[in-house]
């Protein structure tokens, strides 16, 4: 018996639904850093309003620095919880790089 050609499409959709469900759970069930209860951020504009950054800058962060924005179909989504975790991670890495730079002795210039 031949497998339906749309089976791989259904598997892909199922994965996307699982990702969206995980993001929804993260956004609604976990306590956020602020006392305000916030939900899922959908679209670059909504994410930009939350972060205070431009949508273009956020897209660059997603490509180059691993900003937590996920695509589901034609939509981009994230959650305040994921964004706060990412900001902490970026700050830790920035401090780590700066402390390494301070520990290295200055390079001597040749004659």
PDB file of N, CA and C in Angstrom:
ATOM      1  N   UNK A   1       0.847  -1.177   0.000  1.00  0.00           N
ATOM      2  CA  UNK A   1       0.000   0.000   0.000  1.00  0.00           C
ATOM      3  C   UNK A   1       0.896   1.245   0.000  1.00  0.00           C
ATOM      4  N   UNK A   2       0.609   2.192  -0.867  1.00  0.00           N
ATOM      5  CA  UNK A   2       1.400   3.416  -0.988  1.00  0.00           C
ATOM      6  C   UNK A   2       0.990   4.418   0.084  1.00  0.00           C
ATOM      7  N   UNK A   3       1.992   5.138   0.603  1.00  0.00           N
ATOM      8  CA  UNK A   3       1.745   6.168   1.608  1.00  0.00           C
ATOM      9  C   UNK A   3       1.255   7.429   0.898  1.00  0.00           C
ATOM     10  N   UNK A   4       0.364   8.114   1.526  1.00  0.00           N
ATOM     11  CA  UNK A   4      -0.192   9.347   0.969  1.00  0.00           C
ATOM     12  C   UNK A   4       0.923  10.379   0.801  1.00  0.00           C
ATOM     13  N   UNK A   5       1.014  11.059  -0.349  1.00  0.00           N
ATOM     14  CA  UNK A   5       2.081  12.042  -0.550  1.00  0.00           C
ATOM     15  C   UNK A   5       1.963  13.252   0.384  1.00  0.00           C
ATOM     16  N   UNK A   6       0.810  13.454   0.941  1.00  0.00           N
ATOM     17  CA  UNK A   6       0.641  14.601   1.833  1.00  0.00           C
ATOM     18  C   UNK A   6       1.046  14.271   3.272  1.00  0.00           C
ATOM     19  N   UNK A   7       1.513  13.064   3.527  1.00  0.00           N
ATOM     20  CA  UNK A   7       1.895  12.671   4.886  1.00  0.00           C
ATOM     21  C   UNK A   7       3.046  13.526   5.406  1.00  0.00           C
ATOM     22  N   UNK A   8       4.030  13.827   4.553  1.00  0.00           N
ATOM     23  CA  UNK A   8       5.152  14.650   5.013  1.00  0.00           C
ATOM     24  C   UNK A   8       4.695  16.073   5.332  1.00  0.00           C
ATOM     25  N   UNK A   9       3.731  16.563   4.590  1.00  0.00           N
ATOM     26  CA  UNK A   9       3.182  17.890   4.870  1.00  0.00           C
ATOM     27  C   UNK A   9       2.478  17.880   6.220  1.00  0.00           C
ATOM     28  N   UNK A  10       1.745  16.825   6.492  1.00  0.00           N
ATOM     29  CA  UNK A  10       1.049  16.716   7.771  1.00  0.00           C
ATOM     30  C   UNK A  10       2.029  16.619   8.936  1.00  0.00           C
ATOM     31  N   UNK A  11       3.130  15.918   8.737  1.00  0.00           N
ATOM     32  CA  UNK A  11       4.150  15.823   9.788  1.00  0.00           C
ATOM     33  C   UNK A  11       4.743  17.206  10.062  1.00  0.00           C
ATOM     34  N   UNK A  12       5.008  17.960   9.005  1.00  0.00           N
ATOM     35  CA  UNK A  12       5.534  19.315   9.169  1.00  0.00           C
ATOM     36  C   UNK A  12       4.561  20.221   9.899  1.00  0.00           C
ATOM     37  N   UNK A  13       3.290  20.122   9.570  1.00  0.00           N
ATOM     38  CA  UNK A  13       2.266  20.919  10.249  1.00  0.00           C
ATOM     39  C   UNK A  13       2.151  20.528  11.716  1.00  0.00           C
ATOM     40  N   UNK A  14       2.268  19.240  11.978  1.00  0.00           N
ATOM     41  CA  UNK A  14       2.196  18.775  13.361  1.00  0.00           C
ATOM     42  C   UNK A  14       3.346  19.337  14.191  1.00  0.00           C
ATOM     43  N   UNK A  15       4.552  19.389  13.607  1.00  0.00           N
ATOM     44  CA  UNK A  15       5.704  19.974  14.313  1.00  0.00           C
ATOM     45  C   UNK A  15       5.474  21.450  14.603  1.00  0.00           C
ATOM     46  N   UNK A  16       4.946  22.166  13.615  1.00  0.00           N
ATOM     47  CA  UNK A  16       4.683  23.596  13.809  1.00  0.00           C
ATOM     48  C   UNK A  16       3.634  23.821  14.894  1.00  0.00           C
ATOM     49  N   UNK A  17       2.626  22.981  14.919  1.00  0.00           N
ATOM     50  CA  UNK A  17       1.610  23.095  15.964  1.00  0.00           C
ATOM     51  C   UNK A  17       2.207  22.813  17.342  1.00  0.00           C
ATOM     52  N   UNK A  18       3.113  21.847  17.416  1.00  0.00           N
ATOM     53  CA  UNK A  18       3.786  21.558  18.686  1.00  0.00           C
ATOM     54  C   UNK A  18       4.613  22.751  19.146  1.00  0.00           C
ATOM     55  N   UNK A  19       5.325  23.408  18.213  1.00  0.00           N
ATOM     56  CA  UNK A  19       6.110  24.592  18.562  1.00  0.00           C
ATOM     57  C   UNK A  19       5.212  25.717  19.061  1.00  0.00           C
ATOM     58  N   UNK A  20       4.094  25.927  18.378  1.00  0.00           N
ATOM     59  CA  UNK A  20       3.169  26.974  18.786  1.00  0.00           C
ATOM     60  C   UNK A  20       2.561  26.670  20.148  1.00  0.00           C
ATOM     61  N   UNK A  21       2.207  25.418  20.385  1.00  0.00           N
ATOM     62  CA  UNK A  21       1.643  25.031  21.676  1.00  0.00           C
ATOM     63  C   UNK A  21       2.654  25.256  22.789  1.00  0.00           C
ATOM     64  N   UNK A  22       3.914  24.927  22.536  1.00  0.00           N
ATOM     65  CA  UNK A  22       4.957  25.151  23.541  1.00  0.00           C
ATOM     66  C   UNK A  22       5.124  26.636  23.824  1.00  0.00           C
ATOM     67  N   UNK A  23       5.080  27.454  22.785  1.00  0.00           N
ATOM     68  CA  UNK A  23       5.205  28.906  22.979  1.00  0.00           C
ATOM     69  C   UNK A  23       4.007  29.462  23.744  1.00  0.00           C
ATOM     70  N   UNK A  24       2.832  28.962  23.434  1.00  0.00           N
ATOM     71  CA  UNK A  24       1.637  29.417  24.154  1.00  0.00           C
ATOM     72  C   UNK A  24       1.711  29.043  25.624  1.00  0.00           C
ATOM     73  N   UNK A  25       2.148  27.832  25.907  1.00  0.00           N
ATOM     74  CA  UNK A  25       2.293  27.411  27.306  1.00  0.00           C
ATOM     75  C   UNK A  25       3.319  28.267  28.032  1.00  0.00           C
ATOM     76  N   UNK A  26       4.437  28.532  27.373  1.00  0.00           N
ATOM     77  CA  UNK A  26       5.476  29.362  27.974  1.00  0.00           C
ATOM     78  C   UNK A  26       4.944  30.763  28.263  1.00  0.00           C
ATOM     79  N   UNK A  27       4.182  31.306  27.335  1.00  0.00           N
ATOM     80  CA  UNK A  27       3.708  32.683  27.469  1.00  0.00           C
ATOM     81  C   UNK A  27       2.587  32.819  28.486  1.00  0.00           C
ATOM     82  N   UNK A  28       1.786  31.788  28.677  1.00  0.00           N
ATOM     83  CA  UNK A  28       0.615  31.951  29.525  1.00  0.00           C
ATOM     84  C   UNK A  28       0.709  31.270  30.879  1.00  0.00           C
ATOM     85  N   UNK A  29       1.511  30.217  31.006  1.00  0.00           N
ATOM     86  CA  UNK A  29       1.536  29.480  32.256  1.00  0.00           C
ATOM     87  C   UNK A  29       2.706  29.826  33.165  1.00  0.00           C
ATOM     88  N   UNK A  30       3.853  30.160  32.577  1.00  0.00           N
ATOM     89  CA  UNK A  30       5.012  30.468  33.398  1.00  0.00           C
ATOM     90  C   UNK A  30       4.912  31.898  33.920  1.00  0.00           C
ATOM     91  N   UNK A  31       5.345  32.145  35.147  1.00  0.00           N
ATOM     92  CA  UNK A  31       5.304  33.510  35.654  1.00  0.00           C
ATOM     93  C   UNK A  31       6.300  34.369  34.894  1.00  0.00           C
ATOM     94  N   UNK A  32       5.881  35.560  34.530  1.00  0.00           N
ATOM     95  CA  UNK A  32       6.767  36.451  33.792  1.00  0.00           C
ATOM     96  C   UNK A  32       7.569  37.302  34.760  1.00  0.00           C
ATOM     97  N   UNK A  33       8.577  38.003  34.233  1.00  0.00           N
ATOM     98  CA  UNK A  33       9.445  38.818  35.066  1.00  0.00           C
ATOM     99  C   UNK A  33       8.672  39.984  35.674  1.00  0.00           C
ATOM    100  N   UNK A  34       7.679  40.475  34.975  1.00  0.00           N
ATOM    101  CA  UNK A  34       6.890  41.579  35.515  1.00  0.00           C
ATOM    102  C   UNK A  34       5.638  41.014  36.175  1.00  0.00           C
ATOM    103  N   UNK A  35       4.983  41.842  36.953  1.00  0.00           N
ATOM    104  CA  UNK A  35       3.776  41.385  37.621  1.00  0.00           C
ATOM    105  C   UNK A  35       2.599  41.331  36.647  1.00  0.00           C
ATOM    106  N   UNK A  36       2.776  41.967  35.520  1.00  0.00           N
ATOM    107  CA  UNK A  36       1.729  42.016  34.508  1.00  0.00           C
ATOM    108  C   UNK A  36       1.647  40.681  33.768  1.00  0.00           C
ATOM    109  N   UNK A  37       0.476  40.186  33.530  1.00  0.00           N
ATOM    110  CA  UNK A  37       0.307  38.935  32.794  1.00  0.00           C
ATOM    111  C   UNK A  37       0.297  39.256  31.307  1.00  0.00           C
ATOM    112  N   UNK A  38       1.292  38.779  30.591  1.00  0.00           N
ATOM    113  CA  UNK A  38       1.372  39.067  29.162  1.00  0.00           C
ATOM    114  C   UNK A  38       1.236  37.784  28.381  1.00  0.00           C
ATOM    115  N   UNK A  39       0.836  37.905  27.138  1.00  0.00           N
ATOM    116  CA  UNK A  39       0.613  36.735  26.313  1.00  0.00           C
ATOM    117  C   UNK A  39       1.617  36.620  25.194  1.00  0.00           C
ATOM    118  N   UNK A  40       1.243  35.883  24.199  1.00  0.00           N
ATOM    119  CA  UNK A  40       2.083  35.639  23.042  1.00  0.00           C
ATOM    120  C   UNK A  40       2.159  36.906  22.197  1.00  0.00           C
ATOM    121  N   UNK A  41       3.353  37.219  21.724  1.00  0.00           N
ATOM    122  CA  UNK A  41       3.559  38.364  20.844  1.00  0.00           C
ATOM    123  C   UNK A  41       3.565  37.838  19.415  1.00  0.00           C
ATOM    124  N   UNK A  42       2.669  38.340  18.588  1.00  0.00           N
ATOM    125  CA  UNK A  42       2.550  37.849  17.218  1.00  0.00           C
ATOM    126  C   UNK A  42       2.866  38.986  16.256  1.00  0.00           C
ATOM    127  N   UNK A  43       3.858  38.780  15.414  1.00  0.00           N
ATOM    128  CA  UNK A  43       4.262  39.763  14.415  1.00  0.00           C
ATOM    129  C   UNK A  43       5.452  40.582  14.882  1.00  0.00           C
ATOM    130  N   UNK A  44       6.259  41.008  13.906  1.00  0.00           N
ATOM    131  CA  UNK A  44       7.453  41.790  14.227  1.00  0.00           C
ATOM    132  C   UNK A  44       7.102  43.104  14.911  1.00  0.00           C
ATOM    133  N   UNK A  45       5.977  43.714  14.523  1.00  0.00           N
ATOM    134  CA  UNK A  45       5.593  44.987  15.151  1.00  0.00           C
ATOM    135  C   UNK A  45       5.285  44.816  16.632  1.00  0.00           C
ATOM    136  N   UNK A  46       4.537  43.785  16.981  1.00  0.00           N
ATOM    137  CA  UNK A  46       4.192  43.539  18.390  1.00  0.00           C
ATOM    138  C   UNK A  46       5.449  43.217  19.195  1.00  0.00           C
ATOM    139  N   UNK A  47       6.330  42.420  18.619  1.00  0.00           N
ATOM    140  CA  UNK A  47       7.575  42.080  19.304  1.00  0.00           C
ATOM    141  C   UNK A  47       8.432  43.341  19.451  1.00  0.00           C
ATOM    142  N   UNK A  48       8.449  44.177  18.409  1.00  0.00           N
ATOM    143  CA  UNK A  48       9.201  45.422  18.455  1.00  0.00           C
ATOM    144  C   UNK A  48       8.665  46.389  19.504  1.00  0.00           C
ATOM    145  N   UNK A  49       7.344  46.468  19.634  1.00  0.00           N
ATOM    146  CA  UNK A  49       6.757  47.334  20.675  1.00  0.00           C
ATOM    147  C   UNK A  49       7.166  46.854  22.056  1.00  0.00           C
ATOM    148  N   UNK A  50       7.200  45.547  22.242  1.00  0.00           N
ATOM    149  CA  UNK A  50       7.578  45.001  23.548  1.00  0.00           C
ATOM    150  C   UNK A  50       9.048  45.285  23.864  1.00  0.00           C
ATOM    151  N   UNK A  51       9.913  45.117  22.859  1.00  0.00           N
ATOM    152  CA  UNK A  51      11.353  45.259  23.098  1.00  0.00           C
ATOM    153  C   UNK A  51      11.860  46.685  22.940  1.00  0.00           C
ATOM    154  N   UNK A  52      11.101  47.529  22.256  1.00  0.00           N
ATOM    155  CA  UNK A  52      11.575  48.881  21.987  1.00  0.00           C
ATOM    156  C   UNK A  52      12.555  48.930  20.824  1.00  0.00           C
ATOM    157  N   UNK A  53      12.568  47.901  20.005  1.00  0.00           N
ATOM    158  CA  UNK A  53      13.466  47.823  18.849  1.00  0.00           C
ATOM    159  C   UNK A  53      12.645  47.830  17.567  1.00  0.00           C
ATOM    160  N   UNK A  54      13.311  48.154  16.462  1.00  0.00           N
ATOM    161  CA  UNK A  54      12.615  48.157  15.176  1.00  0.00           C
ATOM    162  C   UNK A  54      12.433  46.729  14.676  1.00  0.00           C
ATOM    163  N   UNK A  55      11.391  46.488  13.905  1.00  0.00           N
ATOM    164  CA  UNK A  55      11.203  45.150  13.330  1.00  0.00           C
ATOM    165  C   UNK A  55      12.416  44.702  12.500  1.00  0.00           C
ATOM    166  N   UNK A  56      13.017  45.633  11.750  1.00  0.00           N
ATOM    167  CA  UNK A  56      14.186  45.282  10.936  1.00  0.00           C
ATOM    168  C   UNK A  56      15.353  44.842  11.827  1.00  0.00           C
ATOM    169  N   UNK A  57      15.581  45.564  12.899  1.00  0.00           N
ATOM    170  CA  UNK A  57      16.650  45.202  13.822  1.00  0.00           C
ATOM    171  C   UNK A  57      16.409  43.845  14.462  1.00  0.00           C
ATOM    172  N   UNK A  58      15.155  43.564  14.791  1.00  0.00           N
ATOM    173  CA  UNK A  58      14.826  42.269  15.388  1.00  0.00           C
ATOM    174  C   UNK A  58      15.064  41.128  14.413  1.00  0.00           C
ATOM    175  N   UNK A  59      14.742  41.362  13.140  1.00  0.00           N
ATOM    176  CA  UNK A  59      15.008  40.322  12.133  1.00  0.00           C
ATOM    177  C   UNK A  59      16.508  40.054  12.033  1.00  0.00           C
ATOM    178  N   UNK A  60      17.303  41.122  12.110  1.00  0.00           N
ATOM    179  CA  UNK A  60      18.759  40.945  12.085  1.00  0.00           C
ATOM    180  C   UNK A  60      19.227  40.158  13.314  1.00  0.00           C
ATOM    181  N   UNK A  61      18.676  40.493  14.493  1.00  0.00           N
ATOM    182  CA  UNK A  61      19.033  39.763  15.712  1.00  0.00           C
ATOM    183  C   UNK A  61      18.661  38.281  15.580  1.00  0.00           C
ATOM    184  N   UNK A  62      17.518  38.011  14.974  1.00  0.00           N
ATOM    185  CA  UNK A  62      17.083  36.618  14.813  1.00  0.00           C
ATOM    186  C   UNK A  62      18.052  35.850  13.913  1.00  0.00           C
ATOM    187  N   UNK A  63      18.548  36.509  12.867  1.00  0.00           N
ATOM    188  CA  UNK A  63      19.462  35.842  11.938  1.00  0.00           C
ATOM    189  C   UNK A  63      20.857  35.681  12.519  1.00  0.00           C
ATOM    190  N   UNK A  64      21.350  36.712  13.211  1.00  0.00           N
ATOM    191  CA  UNK A  64      22.750  36.709  13.609  1.00  0.00           C
ATOM    192  C   UNK A  64      22.998  36.334  15.061  1.00  0.00           C
ATOM    193  N   UNK A  65      22.028  36.596  15.944  1.00  0.00           N
ATOM    194  CA  UNK A  65      22.277  36.406  17.370  1.00  0.00           C
ATOM    195  C   UNK A  65      21.314  35.433  18.045  1.00  0.00           C
ATOM    196  N   UNK A  66      20.479  34.787  17.273  1.00  0.00           N
ATOM    197  CA  UNK A  66      19.588  33.786  17.848  1.00  0.00           C
ATOM    198  C   UNK A  66      18.401  34.348  18.617  1.00  0.00           C
ATOM    199  N   UNK A  67      17.932  35.542  18.248  1.00  0.00           N
ATOM    200  CA  UNK A  67      16.755  36.111  18.908  1.00  0.00           C
ATOM    201  C   UNK A  67      15.588  35.129  18.806  1.00  0.00           C
ATOM    202  N   UNK A  68      14.847  34.915  19.898  1.00  0.00           N
ATOM    203  CA  UNK A  68      13.804  33.880  19.912  1.00  0.00           C
ATOM    204  C   UNK A  68      12.511  34.299  19.220  1.00  0.00           C
ATOM    205  N   UNK A  69      12.530  34.280  17.903  1.00  0.00           N
ATOM    206  CA  UNK A  69      11.326  34.542  17.110  1.00  0.00           C
ATOM    207  C   UNK A  69      11.110  33.327  16.225  1.00  0.00           C
ATOM    208  N   UNK A  70       9.897  32.832  16.207  1.00  0.00           N
ATOM    209  CA  UNK A  70       9.607  31.581  15.500  1.00  0.00           C
ATOM    210  C   UNK A  70       8.535  31.809  14.458  1.00  0.00           C
ATOM    211  N   UNK A  71       8.677  31.119  13.354  1.00  0.00           N
ATOM    212  CA  UNK A  71       7.710  31.235  12.264  1.00  0.00           C
ATOM    213  C   UNK A  71       6.712  30.087  12.355  1.00  0.00           C
ATOM    214  N   UNK A  72       5.461  30.441  12.221  1.00  0.00           N
ATOM    215  CA  UNK A  72       4.401  29.445  12.113  1.00  0.00           C
ATOM    216  C   UNK A  72       3.536  29.867  10.948  1.00  0.00           C
ATOM    217  N   UNK A  73       3.724  29.203   9.826  1.00  0.00           N
ATOM    218  CA  UNK A  73       3.041  29.620   8.611  1.00  0.00           C
ATOM    219  C   UNK A  73       3.562  30.986   8.192  1.00  0.00           C
ATOM    220  N   UNK A  74       2.659  31.933   8.033  1.00  0.00           N
ATOM    221  CA  UNK A  74       3.045  33.290   7.639  1.00  0.00           C
ATOM    222  C   UNK A  74       3.293  34.182   8.844  1.00  0.00           C
ATOM    223  N   UNK A  75       3.171  33.657  10.046  1.00  0.00           N
ATOM    224  CA  UNK A  75       3.253  34.467  11.254  1.00  0.00           C
ATOM    225  C   UNK A  75       4.561  34.255  12.001  1.00  0.00           C
ATOM    226  N   UNK A  76       5.014  35.323  12.629  1.00  0.00           N
ATOM    227  CA  UNK A  76       6.180  35.282  13.513  1.00  0.00           C
ATOM    228  C   UNK A  76       5.647  35.467  14.922  1.00  0.00           C
ATOM    229  N   UNK A  77       6.162  34.684  15.851  1.00  0.00           N
ATOM    230  CA  UNK A  77       5.707  34.842  17.231  1.00  0.00           C
ATOM    231  C   UNK A  77       6.866  34.673  18.193  1.00  0.00           C
ATOM    232  N   UNK A  78       6.689  35.215  19.376  1.00  0.00           N
ATOM    233  CA  UNK A  78       7.627  35.057  20.473  1.00  0.00           C
ATOM    234  C   UNK A  78       6.846  35.302  21.750  1.00  0.00           C
ATOM    235  N   UNK A  79       7.517  35.185  22.877  1.00  0.00           N
ATOM    236  CA  UNK A  79       6.854  35.478  24.149  1.00  0.00           C
ATOM    237  C   UNK A  79       7.779  36.336  24.997  1.00  0.00           C
ATOM    238  N   UNK A  80       7.221  37.146  25.867  1.00  0.00           N
ATOM    239  CA  UNK A  80       8.050  37.962  26.750  1.00  0.00           C
ATOM    240  C   UNK A  80       9.030  37.120  27.567  1.00  0.00           C
ATOM    241  N   UNK A  81       8.608  35.956  28.003  1.00  0.00           N
ATOM    242  CA  UNK A  81       9.478  35.070  28.788  1.00  0.00           C
ATOM    243  C   UNK A  81      10.710  34.655  27.985  1.00  0.00           C
ATOM    244  N   UNK A  82      10.512  34.247  26.739  1.00  0.00           N
ATOM    245  CA  UNK A  82      11.635  33.841  25.894  1.00  0.00           C
ATOM    246  C   UNK A  82      12.561  35.013  25.610  1.00  0.00           C
ATOM    247  N   UNK A  83      11.985  36.183  25.386  1.00  0.00           N
ATOM    248  CA  UNK A  83      12.786  37.375  25.104  1.00  0.00           C
ATOM    249  C   UNK A  83      13.626  37.746  26.318  1.00  0.00           C
ATOM    250  N   UNK A  84      13.028  37.701  27.507  1.00  0.00           N
ATOM    251  CA  UNK A  84      13.773  38.035  28.734  1.00  0.00           C
ATOM    252  C   UNK A  84      14.927  37.058  28.951  1.00  0.00           C
ATOM    253  N   UNK A  85      14.698  35.783  28.719  1.00  0.00           N
ATOM    254  CA  UNK A  85      15.773  34.789  28.856  1.00  0.00           C
ATOM    255  C   UNK A  85      16.897  35.066  27.871  1.00  0.00           C
ATOM    256  N   UNK A  86      16.520  35.410  26.629  1.00  0.00           N
ATOM    257  CA  UNK A  86      17.510  35.692  25.599  1.00  0.00           C
ATOM    258  C   UNK A  86      18.341  36.915  25.980  1.00  0.00           C
ATOM    259  N   UNK A  87      17.691  37.959  26.485  1.00  0.00           N
ATOM    260  CA  UNK A  87      18.413  39.169  26.886  1.00  0.00           C
ATOM    261  C   UNK A  87      19.426  38.869  27.989  1.00  0.00           C
ATOM    262  N   UNK A  88      19.039  38.045  28.949  1.00  0.00           N
ATOM    263  CA  UNK A  88      19.960  37.666  30.026  1.00  0.00           C
ATOM    264  C   UNK A  88      21.148  36.898  29.452  1.00  0.00           C
ATOM    265  N   UNK A  89      20.890  35.971  28.553  1.00  0.00           N
ATOM    266  CA  UNK A  89      21.950  35.180  27.937  1.00  0.00           C
ATOM    267  C   UNK A  89      22.915  36.071  27.156  1.00  0.00           C
ATOM    268  N   UNK A  90      22.382  37.015  26.396  1.00  0.00           N
ATOM    269  CA  UNK A  90      23.226  37.927  25.614  1.00  0.00           C
ATOM    270  C   UNK A  90      24.074  38.788  26.542  1.00  0.00           C
ATOM    271  N   UNK A  91      23.491  39.271  27.623  1.00  0.00           N
ATOM    272  CA  UNK A  91      24.227  40.104  28.582  1.00  0.00           C
ATOM    273  C   UNK A  91      25.347  39.310  29.254  1.00  0.00           C
ATOM    274  N   UNK A  92      25.078  38.074  29.610  1.00  0.00           N
ATOM    275  CA  UNK A  92      26.110  37.220  30.222  1.00  0.00           C
ATOM    276  C   UNK A  92      27.259  37.011  29.251  1.00  0.00           C
ATOM    277  N   UNK A  93      26.944  36.717  28.007  1.00  0.00           N
ATOM    278  CA  UNK A  93      27.993  36.492  27.002  1.00  0.00           C
ATOM    279  C   UNK A  93      28.797  37.768  26.765  1.00  0.00           C
ATOM    280  N   UNK A  94      28.122  38.903  26.731  1.00  0.00           N
ATOM    281  CA  UNK A  94      28.814  40.187  26.540  1.00  0.00           C
ATOM    282  C   UNK A  94      29.794  40.441  27.688  1.00  0.00           C
ATOM    283  N   UNK A  95      29.366  40.192  28.910  1.00  0.00           N
ATOM    284  CA  UNK A  95      30.238  40.377  30.076  1.00  0.00           C
ATOM    285  C   UNK A  95      31.413  39.400  30.047  1.00  0.00           C
ATOM    286  N   UNK A  96      31.174  38.181  29.600  1.00  0.00           N
ATOM    287  CA  UNK A  96      32.230  37.172  29.506  1.00  0.00           C
ATOM    288  C   UNK A  96      33.304  37.617  28.508  1.00  0.00           C
ATOM    289  N   UNK A  97      32.882  38.134  27.370  1.00  0.00           N
ATOM    290  CA  UNK A  97      33.829  38.593  26.350  1.00  0.00           C
ATOM    291  C   UNK A  97      34.621  39.792  26.863  1.00  0.00           C
ATOM    292  N   UNK A  98      33.947  40.719  27.549  1.00  0.00           N
ATOM    293  CA  UNK A  98      34.635  41.895  28.080  1.00  0.00           C
ATOM    294  C   UNK A  98      35.653  41.506  29.151  1.00  0.00           C
ATOM    295  N   UNK A  99      35.314  40.558  30.015  1.00  0.00           N
ATOM    296  CA  UNK A  99      36.259  40.157  31.059  1.00  0.00           C
ATOM    297  C   UNK A  99      37.470  39.448  30.464  1.00  0.00           C
ATOM    298  N   UNK A 100      37.283  38.671  29.391  1.00  0.00           N
ATOM    299  CA  UNK A 100      38.410  38.038  28.720  1.00  0.00           C
ATOM    300  C   UNK A 100      39.333  39.087  28.108  1.00  0.00           C
ATOM    301  N   UNK A 101      38.733  40.126  27.523  1.00  0.00           N
ATOM    302  CA  UNK A 101      39.533  41.184  26.896  1.00  0.00           C
ATOM    303  C   UNK A 101      40.356  41.929  27.943  1.00  0.00           C
ATOM    304  N   UNK A 102      39.817  42.120  29.139  1.00  0.00           N
ATOM    305  CA  UNK A 102      40.530  42.820  30.203  1.00  0.00           C
ATOM    306  C   UNK A 102      41.673  41.968  30.753  1.00  0.00           C
ATOM    307  N   UNK A 103      41.517  40.656  30.740  1.00  0.00           N
ATOM    308  CA  UNK A 103      42.529  39.760  31.286  1.00  0.00           C
ATOM    309  C   UNK A 103      43.727  39.589  30.371  1.00  0.00           C
ATOM    310  N   UNK A 104      43.558  39.781  29.082  1.00  0.00           N
ATOM    311  CA  UNK A 104      44.658  39.611  28.152  1.00  0.00           C
ATOM    312  C   UNK A 104      45.582  40.815  28.209  1.00  0.00           C
ATOM    313  N   UNK A 105      46.895  40.571  28.280  1.00  0.00           N
ATOM    314  CA  UNK A 105      47.829  41.706  28.291  1.00  0.00           C
ATOM    315  C   UNK A 105      47.827  42.412  26.937  1.00  0.00           C
ATOM    316  N   UNK A 106      48.117  43.697  26.928  1.00  0.00           N
ATOM    317  CA  UNK A 106      48.142  44.413  25.641  1.00  0.00           C
ATOM    318  C   UNK A 106      49.258  43.878  24.763  1.00  0.00           C
ATOM    319  N   UNK A 107      49.010  43.864  23.472  1.00  0.00           N
ATOM    320  CA  UNK A 107      50.001  43.374  22.510  1.00  0.00           C
ATOM    321  C   UNK A 107      51.084  44.435  22.326  1.00  0.00           C
ATOM    322  N   UNK A 108      52.322  43.952  22.292  1.00  0.00           N
ATOM    323  CA  UNK A 108      53.439  44.870  22.088  1.00  0.00           C
ATOM    324  C   UNK A 108      53.607  45.128  20.603  1.00  0.00           C
ATOM    325  N   UNK A 109      53.886  46.367  20.309  1.00  0.00           N
ATOM    326  CA  UNK A 109      54.134  46.729  18.917  1.00  0.00           C
ATOM    327  C   UNK A 109      55.600  46.496  18.590  1.00  0.00           C
ATOM    328  N   UNK A 110      55.859  45.983  17.430  1.00  0.00           N
ATOM    329  CA  UNK A 110      57.240  45.714  16.999  1.00  0.00           C
ATOM    330  C   UNK A 110      58.011  46.996  16.709  1.00  0.00           C
ATOM    331  N   UNK A 111      59.358  46.886  16.532  1.00  0.00           N
ATOM    332  CA  UNK A 111      60.178  48.081  16.271  1.00  0.00           C
ATOM    333  C   UNK A 111      59.919  48.720  14.947  1.00  0.00           C
TER     334      UNK A 111
END
